[in-house]
Amino acid sequence: MEKDDALNALAALGQETRLDVFRLLVKAGKEGMSAGAISDALYVRPNTLSTHLSALSRAGLVQAERDGRSIHYSAELATMQHLVTYLLQDCCGGNPDLCAPIANLFSSSSCSETKGF
């Protein structure tokens, strides 16, 4: 990931509603959610949500797929993985033991078992 891409992703997530949307989509897993379901779950007006989804999409954090008359959104976890890797690539001054607690979070089987990732 390039620095500009990381800045765009962080800027997109640096807004409360967009962070809530991304976290909701992560919880939804691979199936994602329709825009209407996201709007209902977060109590966000559809036109406002559309703006936030567009920002997340431009940053590569969500992907959209048309499903008939609605649009279905899911979290783009590969982008988040690249962002976290970019942020931690020089972690702990070359001492990987210091980064073990962070690495263990991502190797935890609980995420893959519960969400199908």
PDB file of N, CA and C in Angstrom:
ATOM      1  N   MET A   1       0.851  -1.174   0.000  1.00  0.00           N
ATOM      2  CA  MET A   1       0.000   0.000   0.000  1.00  0.00           C
ATOM      3  C   MET A   1       0.894   1.233   0.000  1.00  0.00           C
ATOM      4  N   GLU A   2       0.493   2.189  -0.796  1.00  0.00           N
ATOM      5  CA  GLU A   2       1.222   3.449  -0.859  1.00  0.00           C
ATOM      6  C   GLU A   2       0.721   4.397   0.233  1.00  0.00           C
ATOM      7  N   LYS A   3       1.545   5.355   0.556  1.00  0.00           N
ATOM      8  CA  LYS A   3       1.206   6.320   1.594  1.00  0.00           C
ATOM      9  C   LYS A   3      -0.119   7.037   1.305  1.00  0.00           C
ATOM     10  N   ASP A   4      -0.324   7.470   0.057  1.00  0.00           N
ATOM     11  CA  ASP A   4      -1.565   8.170  -0.294  1.00  0.00           C
ATOM     12  C   ASP A   4      -2.793   7.285  -0.088  1.00  0.00           C
ATOM     13  N   ASP A   5      -2.663   6.000  -0.420  1.00  0.00           N
ATOM     14  CA  ASP A   5      -3.773   5.067  -0.214  1.00  0.00           C
ATOM     15  C   ASP A   5      -4.080   4.915   1.273  1.00  0.00           C
ATOM     16  N   ALA A   6      -3.037   4.838   2.081  1.00  0.00           N
ATOM     17  CA  ALA A   6      -3.227   4.722   3.529  1.00  0.00           C
ATOM     18  C   ALA A   6      -3.898   5.978   4.077  1.00  0.00           C
ATOM     19  N   LEU A   7      -3.465   7.130   3.606  1.00  0.00           N
ATOM     20  CA  LEU A   7      -4.076   8.383   4.055  1.00  0.00           C
ATOM     21  C   LEU A   7      -5.550   8.460   3.657  1.00  0.00           C
ATOM     22  N   ASN A   8      -5.877   8.020   2.455  1.00  0.00           N
ATOM     23  CA  ASN A   8      -7.270   8.022   2.006  1.00  0.00           C
ATOM     24  C   ASN A   8      -8.130   7.092   2.852  1.00  0.00           C
ATOM     25  N   ALA A   9      -7.613   5.904   3.152  1.00  0.00           N
ATOM     26  CA  ALA A   9      -8.366   4.947   3.969  1.00  0.00           C
ATOM     27  C   ALA A   9      -8.557   5.482   5.383  1.00  0.00           C
ATOM     28  N   LEU A  10      -7.498   6.037   5.959  1.00  0.00           N
ATOM     29  CA  LEU A  10      -7.607   6.580   7.316  1.00  0.00           C
ATOM     30  C   LEU A  10      -8.556   7.775   7.363  1.00  0.00           C
ATOM     31  N   ALA A  11      -8.519   8.600   6.331  1.00  0.00           N
ATOM     32  CA  ALA A  11      -9.426   9.755   6.277  1.00  0.00           C
ATOM     33  C   ALA A  11     -10.873   9.287   6.176  1.00  0.00           C
ATOM     34  N   ALA A  12     -11.111   8.252   5.383  1.00  0.00           N
ATOM     35  CA  ALA A  12     -12.475   7.729   5.245  1.00  0.00           C
ATOM     36  C   ALA A  12     -12.974   7.169   6.575  1.00  0.00           C
ATOM     37  N   LEU A  13     -12.116   6.500   7.295  1.00  0.00           N
ATOM     38  CA  LEU A  13     -12.511   5.911   8.575  1.00  0.00           C
ATOM     39  C   LEU A  13     -12.503   6.920   9.715  1.00  0.00           C
ATOM     40  N   GLY A  14     -11.977   8.098   9.459  1.00  0.00           N
ATOM     41  CA  GLY A  14     -11.868   9.127  10.494  1.00  0.00           C
ATOM     42  C   GLY A  14     -13.145   9.926  10.701  1.00  0.00           C
ATOM     43  N   GLN A  15     -14.251   9.380  10.297  1.00  0.00           N
ATOM     44  CA  GLN A  15     -15.550  10.021  10.484  1.00  0.00           C
ATOM     45  C   GLN A  15     -16.461   8.994  11.150  1.00  0.00           C
ATOM     46  N   GLU A  16     -17.208   9.417  12.150  1.00  0.00           N
ATOM     47  CA  GLU A  16     -17.961   8.500  13.005  1.00  0.00           C
ATOM     48  C   GLU A  16     -18.900   7.564  12.239  1.00  0.00           C
ATOM     49  N   THR A  17     -19.707   8.101  11.366  1.00  0.00           N
ATOM     50  CA  THR A  17     -20.669   7.261  10.650  1.00  0.00           C
ATOM     51  C   THR A  17     -19.970   6.279   9.735  1.00  0.00           C
ATOM     52  N   ARG A  18     -18.938   6.730   9.044  1.00  0.00           N
ATOM     53  CA  ARG A  18     -18.218   5.824   8.144  1.00  0.00           C
ATOM     54  C   ARG A  18     -17.531   4.711   8.914  1.00  0.00           C
ATOM     55  N   LEU A  19     -16.981   5.021  10.068  1.00  0.00           N
ATOM     56  CA  LEU A  19     -16.381   3.978  10.896  1.00  0.00           C
ATOM     57  C   LEU A  19     -17.446   2.981  11.343  1.00  0.00           C
ATOM     58  N   ASP A  20     -18.609   3.487  11.742  1.00  0.00           N
ATOM     59  CA  ASP A  20     -19.711   2.603  12.142  1.00  0.00           C
ATOM     60  C   ASP A  20     -20.156   1.708  10.984  1.00  0.00           C
ATOM     61  N   VAL A  21     -20.242   2.276   9.790  1.00  0.00           N
ATOM     62  CA  VAL A  21     -20.636   1.498   8.616  1.00  0.00           C
ATOM     63  C   VAL A  21     -19.616   0.400   8.355  1.00  0.00           C
ATOM     64  N   PHE A  22     -18.346   0.742   8.361  1.00  0.00           N
ATOM     65  CA  PHE A  22     -17.315  -0.252   8.082  1.00  0.00           C
ATOM     66  C   PHE A  22     -17.359  -1.375   9.112  1.00  0.00           C
ATOM     67  N   ARG A  23     -17.457  -1.025  10.386  1.00  0.00           N
ATOM     68  CA  ARG A  23     -17.505  -2.048  11.443  1.00  0.00           C
ATOM     69  C   ARG A  23     -18.742  -2.924  11.305  1.00  0.00           C
ATOM     70  N   LEU A  24     -19.871  -2.336  10.945  1.00  0.00           N
ATOM     71  CA  LEU A  24     -21.096  -3.109  10.738  1.00  0.00           C
ATOM     72  C   LEU A  24     -20.915  -4.096   9.589  1.00  0.00           C
ATOM     73  N   LEU A  25     -20.288  -3.645   8.517  1.00  0.00           N
ATOM     74  CA  LEU A  25     -20.069  -4.526   7.377  1.00  0.00           C
ATOM     75  C   LEU A  25     -19.064  -5.629   7.694  1.00  0.00           C
ATOM     76  N   VAL A  26     -18.096  -5.343   8.525  1.00  0.00           N
ATOM     77  CA  VAL A  26     -17.167  -6.387   8.958  1.00  0.00           C
ATOM     78  C   VAL A  26     -17.944  -7.455   9.729  1.00  0.00           C
ATOM     79  N   LYS A  27     -18.822  -7.017  10.622  1.00  0.00           N
ATOM     80  CA  LYS A  27     -19.640  -7.967  11.392  1.00  0.00           C
ATOM     81  C   LYS A  27     -20.563  -8.770  10.489  1.00  0.00           C
ATOM     82  N   ALA A  28     -21.043  -8.161   9.417  1.00  0.00           N
ATOM     83  CA  ALA A  28     -21.959  -8.844   8.501  1.00  0.00           C
ATOM     84  C   ALA A  28     -21.265  -9.957   7.726  1.00  0.00           C
ATOM     85  N   GLY A  29     -19.956  -9.895   7.626  1.00  0.00           N
ATOM     86  CA  GLY A  29     -19.211 -10.936   6.929  1.00  0.00           C
ATOM     87  C   GLY A  29     -19.287 -10.807   5.420  1.00  0.00           C
ATOM     88  N   LYS A  30     -19.004 -11.912   4.761  1.00  0.00           N
ATOM     89  CA  LYS A  30     -18.939 -11.921   3.295  1.00  0.00           C
ATOM     90  C   LYS A  30     -20.266 -11.558   2.648  1.00  0.00           C
ATOM     91  N   GLU A  31     -21.368 -11.873   3.313  1.00  0.00           N
ATOM     92  CA  GLU A  31     -22.680 -11.599   2.738  1.00  0.00           C
ATOM     93  C   GLU A  31     -22.974 -10.111   2.647  1.00  0.00           C
ATOM     94  N   GLY A  32     -22.380  -9.317   3.536  1.00  0.00           N
ATOM     95  CA  GLY A  32     -22.596  -7.885   3.518  1.00  0.00           C
ATOM     96  C   GLY A  32     -24.033  -7.521   3.837  1.00  0.00           C
ATOM     97  N   MET A  33     -24.425  -6.323   3.442  1.00  0.00           N
ATOM     98  CA  MET A  33     -25.768  -5.818   3.734  1.00  0.00           C
ATOM     99  C   MET A  33     -26.219  -4.885   2.618  1.00  0.00           C
ATOM    100  N   SER A  34     -27.515  -4.781   2.481  1.00  0.00           N
ATOM    101  CA  SER A  34     -28.051  -3.815   1.530  1.00  0.00           C
ATOM    102  C   SER A  34     -27.934  -2.417   2.139  1.00  0.00           C
ATOM    103  N   ALA A  35     -27.973  -1.424   1.280  1.00  0.00           N
ATOM    104  CA  ALA A  35     -27.899  -0.049   1.765  1.00  0.00           C
ATOM    105  C   ALA A  35     -29.049   0.245   2.718  1.00  0.00           C
ATOM    106  N   GLY A  36     -30.231  -0.264   2.416  1.00  0.00           N
ATOM    107  CA  GLY A  36     -31.384  -0.047   3.282  1.00  0.00           C
ATOM    108  C   GLY A  36     -31.197  -0.664   4.655  1.00  0.00           C
ATOM    109  N   ALA A  37     -30.619  -1.861   4.709  1.00  0.00           N
ATOM    110  CA  ALA A  37     -30.377  -2.521   5.986  1.00  0.00           C
ATOM    111  C   ALA A  37     -29.332  -1.766   6.806  1.00  0.00           C
ATOM    112  N   ILE A  38     -28.320  -1.245   6.141  1.00  0.00           N
ATOM    113  CA  ILE A  38     -27.308  -0.446   6.835  1.00  0.00           C
ATOM    114  C   ILE A  38     -27.952   0.811   7.404  1.00  0.00           C
ATOM    115  N   SER A  39     -28.753   1.469   6.589  1.00  0.00           N
ATOM    116  CA  SER A  39     -29.450   2.682   7.006  1.00  0.00           C
ATOM    117  C   SER A  39     -30.320   2.420   8.231  1.00  0.00           C
ATOM    118  N   ASP A  40     -31.067   1.333   8.207  1.00  0.00           N
ATOM    119  CA  ASP A  40     -31.933   0.977   9.324  1.00  0.00           C
ATOM    120  C   ASP A  40     -31.131   0.642  10.583  1.00  0.00           C
ATOM    121  N   ALA A  41     -30.059  -0.112  10.411  1.00  0.00           N
ATOM    122  CA  ALA A  41     -29.265  -0.557  11.561  1.00  0.00           C
ATOM    123  C   ALA A  41     -28.577   0.604  12.268  1.00  0.00           C
ATOM    124  N   LEU A  42     -28.163   1.597  11.499  1.00  0.00           N
ATOM    125  CA  LEU A  42     -27.405   2.709  12.076  1.00  0.00           C
ATOM    126  C   LEU A  42     -28.231   3.986  12.245  1.00  0.00           C
ATOM    127  N   TYR A  43     -29.498   3.917  11.869  1.00  0.00           N
ATOM    128  CA  TYR A  43     -30.382   5.086  11.958  1.00  0.00           C
ATOM    129  C   TYR A  43     -29.799   6.295  11.214  1.00  0.00           C
ATOM    130  N   VAL A  44     -29.371   6.028   9.982  1.00  0.00           N
ATOM    131  CA  VAL A  44     -28.799   7.061   9.126  1.00  0.00           C
ATOM    132  C   VAL A  44     -29.719   7.227   7.922  1.00  0.00           C
ATOM    133  N   ARG A  45     -30.027   8.461   7.575  1.00  0.00           N
ATOM    134  CA  ARG A  45     -30.877   8.711   6.405  1.00  0.00           C
ATOM    135  C   ARG A  45     -30.204   8.177   5.139  1.00  0.00           C
ATOM    136  N   PRO A  46     -30.999   7.617   4.233  1.00  0.00           N
ATOM    137  CA  PRO A  46     -30.427   7.014   3.021  1.00  0.00           C
ATOM    138  C   PRO A  46     -29.528   7.953   2.210  1.00  0.00           C
ATOM    139  N   ASN A  47     -29.929   9.215   2.051  1.00  0.00           N
ATOM    140  CA  ASN A  47     -29.091  10.124   1.256  1.00  0.00           C
ATOM    141  C   ASN A  47     -27.773  10.425   1.958  1.00  0.00           C
ATOM    142  N   THR A  48     -27.799  10.513   3.272  1.00  0.00           N
ATOM    143  CA  THR A  48     -26.566  10.719   4.038  1.00  0.00           C
ATOM    144  C   THR A  48     -25.688   9.478   3.960  1.00  0.00           C
ATOM    145  N   LEU A  49     -26.303   8.308   4.091  1.00  0.00           N
ATOM    146  CA  LEU A  49     -25.556   7.054   4.023  1.00  0.00           C
ATOM    147  C   LEU A  49     -24.876   6.901   2.669  1.00  0.00           C
ATOM    148  N   SER A  50     -25.556   7.291   1.620  1.00  0.00           N
ATOM    149  CA  SER A  50     -24.998   7.188   0.281  1.00  0.00           C
ATOM    150  C   SER A  50     -23.676   7.949   0.171  1.00  0.00           C
ATOM    151  N   THR A  51     -23.637   9.119   0.764  1.00  0.00           N
ATOM    152  CA  THR A  51     -22.407   9.923   0.756  1.00  0.00           C
ATOM    153  C   THR A  51     -21.282   9.189   1.481  1.00  0.00           C
ATOM    154  N   HIS A  52     -21.600   8.606   2.623  1.00  0.00           N
ATOM    155  CA  HIS A  52     -20.590   7.889   3.408  1.00  0.00           C
ATOM    156  C   HIS A  52     -20.123   6.618   2.696  1.00  0.00           C
ATOM    157  N   LEU A  53     -21.055   5.896   2.093  1.00  0.00           N
ATOM    158  CA  LEU A  53     -20.682   4.689   1.356  1.00  0.00           C
ATOM    159  C   LEU A  53     -19.801   5.027   0.159  1.00  0.00           C
ATOM    160  N   SER A  54     -20.066   6.137  -0.476  1.00  0.00           N
ATOM    161  CA  SER A  54     -19.231   6.568  -1.608  1.00  0.00           C
ATOM    162  C   SER A  54     -17.807   6.856  -1.150  1.00  0.00           C
ATOM    163  N   ALA A  55     -17.661   7.512  -0.011  1.00  0.00           N
ATOM    164  CA  ALA A  55     -16.320   7.809   0.519  1.00  0.00           C
ATOM    165  C   ALA A  55     -15.576   6.519   0.863  1.00  0.00           C
ATOM    166  N   LEU A  56     -16.269   5.578   1.478  1.00  0.00           N
ATOM    167  CA  LEU A  56     -15.644   4.298   1.814  1.00  0.00           C
ATOM    168  C   LEU A  56     -15.279   3.513   0.555  1.00  0.00           C
ATOM    169  N   SER A  57     -16.129   3.597  -0.435  1.00  0.00           N
ATOM    170  CA  SER A  57     -15.867   2.909  -1.692  1.00  0.00           C
ATOM    171  C   SER A  57     -14.658   3.500  -2.416  1.00  0.00           C
ATOM    172  N   ARG A  58     -14.578   4.834  -2.461  1.00  0.00           N
ATOM    173  CA  ARG A  58     -13.424   5.498  -3.096  1.00  0.00           C
ATOM    174  C   ARG A  58     -12.117   5.120  -2.401  1.00  0.00           C
ATOM    175  N   ALA A  59     -12.177   4.897  -1.102  1.00  0.00           N
ATOM    176  CA  ALA A  59     -10.983   4.509  -0.350  1.00  0.00           C
ATOM    177  C   ALA A  59     -10.697   3.015  -0.468  1.00  0.00           C
ATOM    178  N   GLY A  60     -11.568   2.283  -1.151  1.00  0.00           N
ATOM    179  CA  GLY A  60     -11.358   0.847  -1.339  1.00  0.00           C
ATOM    180  C   GLY A  60     -11.729   0.006  -0.131  1.00  0.00           C
ATOM    181  N   LEU A  61     -12.478   0.581   0.807  1.00  0.00           N
ATOM    182  CA  LEU A  61     -12.816  -0.132   2.041  1.00  0.00           C
ATOM    183  C   LEU A  61     -14.120  -0.910   1.957  1.00  0.00           C
ATOM    184  N   VAL A  62     -14.963  -0.583   0.996  1.00  0.00           N
ATOM    185  CA  VAL A  62     -16.184  -1.354   0.770  1.00  0.00           C
ATOM    186  C   VAL A  62     -16.324  -1.614  -0.715  1.00  0.00           C
ATOM    187  N   GLN A  63     -17.017  -2.687  -1.026  1.00  0.00           N
ATOM    188  CA  GLN A  63     -17.341  -2.957  -2.419  1.00  0.00           C
ATOM    189  C   GLN A  63     -18.850  -3.026  -2.548  1.00  0.00           C
ATOM    190  N   ALA A  64     -19.324  -2.588  -3.674  1.00  0.00           N
ATOM    191  CA  ALA A  64     -20.757  -2.533  -3.935  1.00  0.00           C
ATOM    192  C   ALA A  64     -21.097  -3.478  -5.078  1.00  0.00           C
ATOM    193  N   GLU A  65     -22.245  -4.130  -4.926  1.00  0.00           N
ATOM    194  CA  GLU A  65     -22.713  -5.028  -5.961  1.00  0.00           C
ATOM    195  C   GLU A  65     -24.213  -4.828  -6.123  1.00  0.00           C
ATOM    196  N   ARG A  66     -24.631  -4.586  -7.329  1.00  0.00           N
ATOM    197  CA  ARG A  66     -26.055  -4.380  -7.579  1.00  0.00           C
ATOM    198  C   ARG A  66     -26.775  -5.712  -7.452  1.00  0.00           C
ATOM    199  N   ASP A  67     -27.906  -5.675  -6.740  1.00  0.00           N
ATOM    200  CA  ASP A  67     -28.749  -6.854  -6.554  1.00  0.00           C
ATOM    201  C   ASP A  67     -30.179  -6.429  -6.881  1.00  0.00           C
ATOM    202  N   GLY A  68     -30.527  -6.521  -8.145  1.00  0.00           N
ATOM    203  CA  GLY A  68     -31.833  -6.036  -8.578  1.00  0.00           C
ATOM    204  C   GLY A  68     -31.888  -4.524  -8.478  1.00  0.00           C
ATOM    205  N   ARG A  69     -32.838  -4.032  -7.704  1.00  0.00           N
ATOM    206  CA  ARG A  69     -32.985  -2.579  -7.554  1.00  0.00           C
ATOM    207  C   ARG A  69     -32.172  -2.022  -6.397  1.00  0.00           C
ATOM    208  N   SER A  70     -31.583  -2.875  -5.591  1.00  0.00           N
ATOM    209  CA  SER A  70     -30.799  -2.380  -4.456  1.00  0.00           C
ATOM    210  C   SER A  70     -29.312  -2.640  -4.675  1.00  0.00           C
ATOM    211  N   ILE A  71     -28.521  -2.013  -3.839  1.00  0.00           N
ATOM    212  CA  ILE A  71     -27.070  -2.201  -3.886  1.00  0.00           C
ATOM    213  C   ILE A  71     -26.658  -2.866  -2.588  1.00  0.00           C
ATOM    214  N   HIS A  72     -25.860  -3.891  -2.717  1.00  0.00           N
ATOM    215  CA  HIS A  72     -25.402  -4.679  -1.590  1.00  0.00           C
ATOM    216  C   HIS A  72     -23.931  -4.324  -1.325  1.00  0.00           C
ATOM    217  N   TYR A  73     -23.606  -4.021  -0.080  1.00  0.00           N
ATOM    218  CA  TYR A  73     -22.251  -3.596   0.279  1.00  0.00           C
ATOM    219  C   TYR A  73     -21.601  -4.620   1.191  1.00  0.00           C
ATOM    220  N   SER A  74     -20.295  -4.768   1.035  1.00  0.00           N
ATOM    221  CA  SER A  74     -19.515  -5.612   1.948  1.00  0.00           C
ATOM    222  C   SER A  74     -18.166  -4.947   2.199  1.00  0.00           C
ATOM    223  N   ALA A  75     -17.596  -5.259   3.347  1.00  0.00           N
ATOM    224  CA  ALA A  75     -16.291  -4.703   3.707  1.00  0.00           C
ATOM    225  C   ALA A  75     -15.223  -5.327   2.824  1.00  0.00           C
ATOM    226  N   GLU A  76     -14.303  -4.513   2.380  1.00  0.00           N
ATOM    227  CA  GLU A  76     -13.172  -4.984   1.584  1.00  0.00           C
ATOM    228  C   GLU A  76     -12.030  -5.234   2.558  1.00  0.00           C
ATOM    229  N   LEU A  77     -11.988  -6.448   3.097  1.00  0.00           N
ATOM    230  CA  LEU A  77     -11.028  -6.769   4.147  1.00  0.00           C
ATOM    231  C   LEU A  77      -9.581  -6.787   3.658  1.00  0.00           C
ATOM    232  N   ALA A  78      -9.383  -7.046   2.390  1.00  0.00           N
ATOM    233  CA  ALA A  78      -8.019  -7.033   1.852  1.00  0.00           C
ATOM    234  C   ALA A  78      -7.416  -5.633   1.976  1.00  0.00           C
ATOM    235  N   THR A  79      -8.225  -4.611   1.726  1.00  0.00           N
ATOM    236  CA  THR A  79      -7.733  -3.243   1.863  1.00  0.00           C
ATOM    237  C   THR A  79      -7.362  -2.956   3.312  1.00  0.00           C
ATOM    238  N   MET A  80      -8.197  -3.400   4.236  1.00  0.00           N
ATOM    239  CA  MET A  80      -7.887  -3.184   5.657  1.00  0.00           C
ATOM    240  C   MET A  80      -6.621  -3.939   6.045  1.00  0.00           C
ATOM    241  N   GLN A  81      -6.468  -5.142   5.516  1.00  0.00           N
ATOM    242  CA  GLN A  81      -5.252  -5.909   5.797  1.00  0.00           C
ATOM    243  C   GLN A  81      -4.021  -5.168   5.275  1.00  0.00           C
ATOM    244  N   HIS A  82      -4.118  -4.613   4.077  1.00  0.00           N
ATOM    245  CA  HIS A  82      -2.994  -3.851   3.519  1.00  0.00           C
ATOM    246  C   HIS A  82      -2.711  -2.598   4.354  1.00  0.00           C
ATOM    247  N   LEU A  83      -3.766  -1.952   4.836  1.00  0.00           N
ATOM    248  CA  LEU A  83      -3.593  -0.766   5.666  1.00  0.00           C
ATOM    249  C   LEU A  83      -2.885  -1.111   6.972  1.00  0.00           C
ATOM    250  N   VAL A  84      -3.342  -2.146   7.642  1.00  0.00           N
ATOM    251  CA  VAL A  84      -2.719  -2.546   8.904  1.00  0.00           C
ATOM    252  C   VAL A  84      -1.276  -2.981   8.670  1.00  0.00           C
ATOM    253  N   THR A  85      -1.044  -3.703   7.600  1.00  0.00           N
ATOM    254  CA  THR A  85       0.322  -4.113   7.273  1.00  0.00           C
ATOM    255  C   THR A  85       1.205  -2.899   7.024  1.00  0.00           C
ATOM    256  N   TYR A  86       0.684  -1.924   6.283  1.00  0.00           N
ATOM    257  CA  TYR A  86       1.430  -0.697   6.027  1.00  0.00           C
ATOM    258  C   TYR A  86       1.766   0.015   7.337  1.00  0.00           C
ATOM    259  N   LEU A  87       0.796   0.105   8.227  1.00  0.00           N
ATOM    260  CA  LEU A  87       1.012   0.803   9.494  1.00  0.00           C
ATOM    261  C   LEU A  87       2.007   0.085  10.390  1.00  0.00           C
ATOM    262  N   LEU A  88       2.066  -1.233  10.281  1.00  0.00           N
ATOM    263  CA  LEU A  88       2.908  -2.021  11.194  1.00  0.00           C
ATOM    264  C   LEU A  88       4.138  -2.622  10.529  1.00  0.00           C
ATOM    265  N   GLN A  89       4.421  -2.263   9.298  1.00  0.00           N
ATOM    266  CA  GLN A  89       5.507  -2.932   8.584  1.00  0.00           C
ATOM    267  C   GLN A  89       6.871  -2.756   9.247  1.00  0.00           C
ATOM    268  N   ASP A  90       7.072  -1.687   9.958  1.00  0.00           N
ATOM    269  CA  ASP A  90       8.341  -1.498  10.657  1.00  0.00           C
ATOM    270  C   ASP A  90       8.151  -1.657  12.163  1.00  0.00           C
ATOM    271  N   CYS A  91       7.190  -2.465  12.526  1.00  0.00           N
ATOM    272  CA  CYS A  91       6.791  -2.634  13.920  1.00  0.00           C
ATOM    273  C   CYS A  91       7.956  -3.032  14.822  1.00  0.00           C
ATOM    274  N   CYS A  92       8.038  -2.348  15.897  1.00  0.00           N
ATOM    275  CA  CYS A  92       8.906  -2.727  17.007  1.00  0.00           C
ATOM    276  C   CYS A  92      10.392  -2.730  16.672  1.00  0.00           C
ATOM    277  N   GLY A  93      10.790  -1.908  15.738  1.00  0.00           N
ATOM    278  CA  GLY A  93      12.213  -1.763  15.435  1.00  0.00           C
ATOM    279  C   GLY A  93      12.907  -3.050  15.064  1.00  0.00           C
ATOM    280  N   GLY A  94      12.218  -3.918  14.364  1.00  0.00           N
ATOM    281  CA  GLY A  94      12.824  -5.170  13.926  1.00  0.00           C
ATOM    282  C   GLY A  94      12.803  -6.267  14.973  1.00  0.00           C
ATOM    283  N   ASN A  95      12.117  -6.051  16.080  1.00  0.00           N
ATOM    284  CA  ASN A  95      12.013  -7.075  17.109  1.00  0.00           C
ATOM    285  C   ASN A  95      10.611  -7.690  17.051  1.00  0.00           C
ATOM    286  N   PRO A  96      10.442  -8.773  16.312  1.00  0.00           N
ATOM    287  CA  PRO A  96       9.118  -9.330  16.088  1.00  0.00           C
ATOM    288  C   PRO A  96       8.426  -9.817  17.362  1.00  0.00           C
ATOM    289  N   ASP A  97       9.188 -10.140  18.393  1.00  0.00           N
ATOM    290  CA  ASP A  97       8.562 -10.594  19.640  1.00  0.00           C
ATOM    291  C   ASP A  97       7.696  -9.509  20.265  1.00  0.00           C
ATOM    292  N   LEU A  98       8.083  -8.256  20.074  1.00  0.00           N
ATOM    293  CA  LEU A  98       7.297  -7.160  20.622  1.00  0.00           C
ATOM    294  C   LEU A  98       5.966  -6.989  19.880  1.00  0.00           C
ATOM    295  N   CYS A  99       5.912  -7.436  18.631  1.00  0.00           N
ATOM    296  CA  CYS A  99       4.693  -7.318  17.832  1.00  0.00           C
ATOM    297  C   CYS A  99       3.782  -8.534  17.973  1.00  0.00           C
ATOM    298  N   ALA A 100       4.206  -9.540  18.709  1.00  0.00           N
ATOM    299  CA  ALA A 100       3.436 -10.777  18.822  1.00  0.00           C
ATOM    300  C   ALA A 100       1.993 -10.559  19.276  1.00  0.00           C
ATOM    301  N   PRO A 101       1.736  -9.684  20.258  1.00  0.00           N
ATOM    302  CA  PRO A 101       0.321  -9.513  20.655  1.00  0.00           C
ATOM    303  C   PRO A 101      -0.571  -9.022  19.511  1.00  0.00           C
ATOM    304  N   ILE A 102      -0.029  -8.170  18.660  1.00  0.00           N
ATOM    305  CA  ILE A 102      -0.814  -7.683  17.518  1.00  0.00           C
ATOM    306  C   ILE A 102      -0.984  -8.799  16.494  1.00  0.00           C
ATOM    307  N   ALA A 103       0.068  -9.507  16.210  1.00  0.00           N
ATOM    308  CA  ALA A 103      -0.002 -10.605  15.245  1.00  0.00           C
ATOM    309  C   ALA A 103      -0.980 -11.671  15.716  1.00  0.00           C
ATOM    310  N   ASN A 104      -1.019 -11.919  17.002  1.00  0.00           N
ATOM    311  CA  ASN A 104      -1.928 -12.935  17.535  1.00  0.00           C
ATOM    312  C   ASN A 104      -3.388 -12.545  17.332  1.00  0.00           C
ATOM    313  N   LEU A 105      -3.676 -11.263  17.340  1.00  0.00           N
ATOM    314  CA  LEU A 105      -5.048 -10.820  17.086  1.00  0.00           C
ATOM    315  C   LEU A 105      -5.515 -11.249  15.708  1.00  0.00           C
ATOM    316  N   PHE A 106      -4.627 -11.175  14.738  1.00  0.00           N
ATOM    317  CA  PHE A 106      -4.996 -11.483  13.366  1.00  0.00           C
ATOM    318  C   PHE A 106      -4.926 -12.970  13.052  1.00  0.00           C
ATOM    319  N   SER A 107      -4.203 -13.718  13.857  1.00  0.00           N
ATOM    320  CA  SER A 107      -4.138 -15.158  13.610  1.00  0.00           C
ATOM    321  C   SER A 107      -5.158 -15.916  14.445  1.00  0.00           C
ATOM    322  N   SER A 108      -5.925 -15.189  15.228  1.00  0.00           N
ATOM    323  CA  SER A 108      -6.949 -15.809  16.072  1.00  0.00           C
ATOM    324  C   SER A 108      -7.965 -16.538  15.206  1.00  0.00           C
ATOM    325  N   SER A 109      -8.307 -17.737  15.616  1.00  0.00           N
ATOM    326  CA  SER A 109      -9.266 -18.528  14.831  1.00  0.00           C
ATOM    327  C   SER A 109     -10.703 -18.072  15.095  1.00  0.00           C
ATOM    328  N   SER A 110     -10.926 -17.283  16.127  1.00  0.00           N
ATOM    329  CA  SER A 110     -12.306 -16.899  16.455  1.00  0.00           C
ATOM    330  C   SER A 110     -12.936 -16.083  15.334  1.00  0.00           C
ATOM    331  N   CYS A 111     -12.171 -15.243  14.677  1.00  0.00           N
ATOM    332  CA  CYS A 111     -12.731 -14.430  13.587  1.00  0.00           C
ATOM    333  C   CYS A 111     -13.119 -15.311  12.414  1.00  0.00           C
ATOM    334  N   SER A 112     -12.234 -16.197  12.010  1.00  0.00           N
ATOM    335  CA  SER A 112     -12.525 -17.021  10.844  1.00  0.00           C
ATOM    336  C   SER A 112     -13.637 -18.015  11.116  1.00  0.00           C
ATOM    337  N   GLU A 113     -13.753 -18.499  12.338  1.00  0.00           N
ATOM    338  CA  GLU A 113     -14.799 -19.468  12.654  1.00  0.00           C
ATOM    339  C   GLU A 113     -16.164 -18.828  12.706  1.00  0.00           C
ATOM    340  N   THR A 114     -16.245 -17.601  13.232  1.00  0.00           N
ATOM    341  CA  THR A 114     -17.557 -16.986  13.409  1.00  0.00           C
ATOM    342  C   THR A 114     -18.038 -16.239  12.189  1.00  0.00           C
ATOM    343  N   LYS A 115     -17.154 -15.778  11.347  1.00  0.00           N
ATOM    344  CA  LYS A 115     -17.576 -14.948  10.222  1.00  0.00           C
ATOM    345  C   LYS A 115     -17.348 -15.590   8.858  1.00  0.00           C
ATOM    346  N   GLY A 116     -16.729 -16.736   8.826  1.00  0.00           N
ATOM    347  CA  GLY A 116     -16.535 -17.392   7.553  1.00  0.00           C
ATOM    348  C   GLY A 116     -15.454 -16.794   6.688  1.00  0.00           C
ATOM    349  N   PHE A 117     -14.490 -16.124   7.286  1.00  0.00           N
ATOM    350  CA  PHE A 117     -13.397 -15.528   6.499  1.00  0.00           C
ATOM    351  C   PHE A 117     -12.256 -16.494   6.393  1.00  0.00           C
TER     352      PHE A 117
END
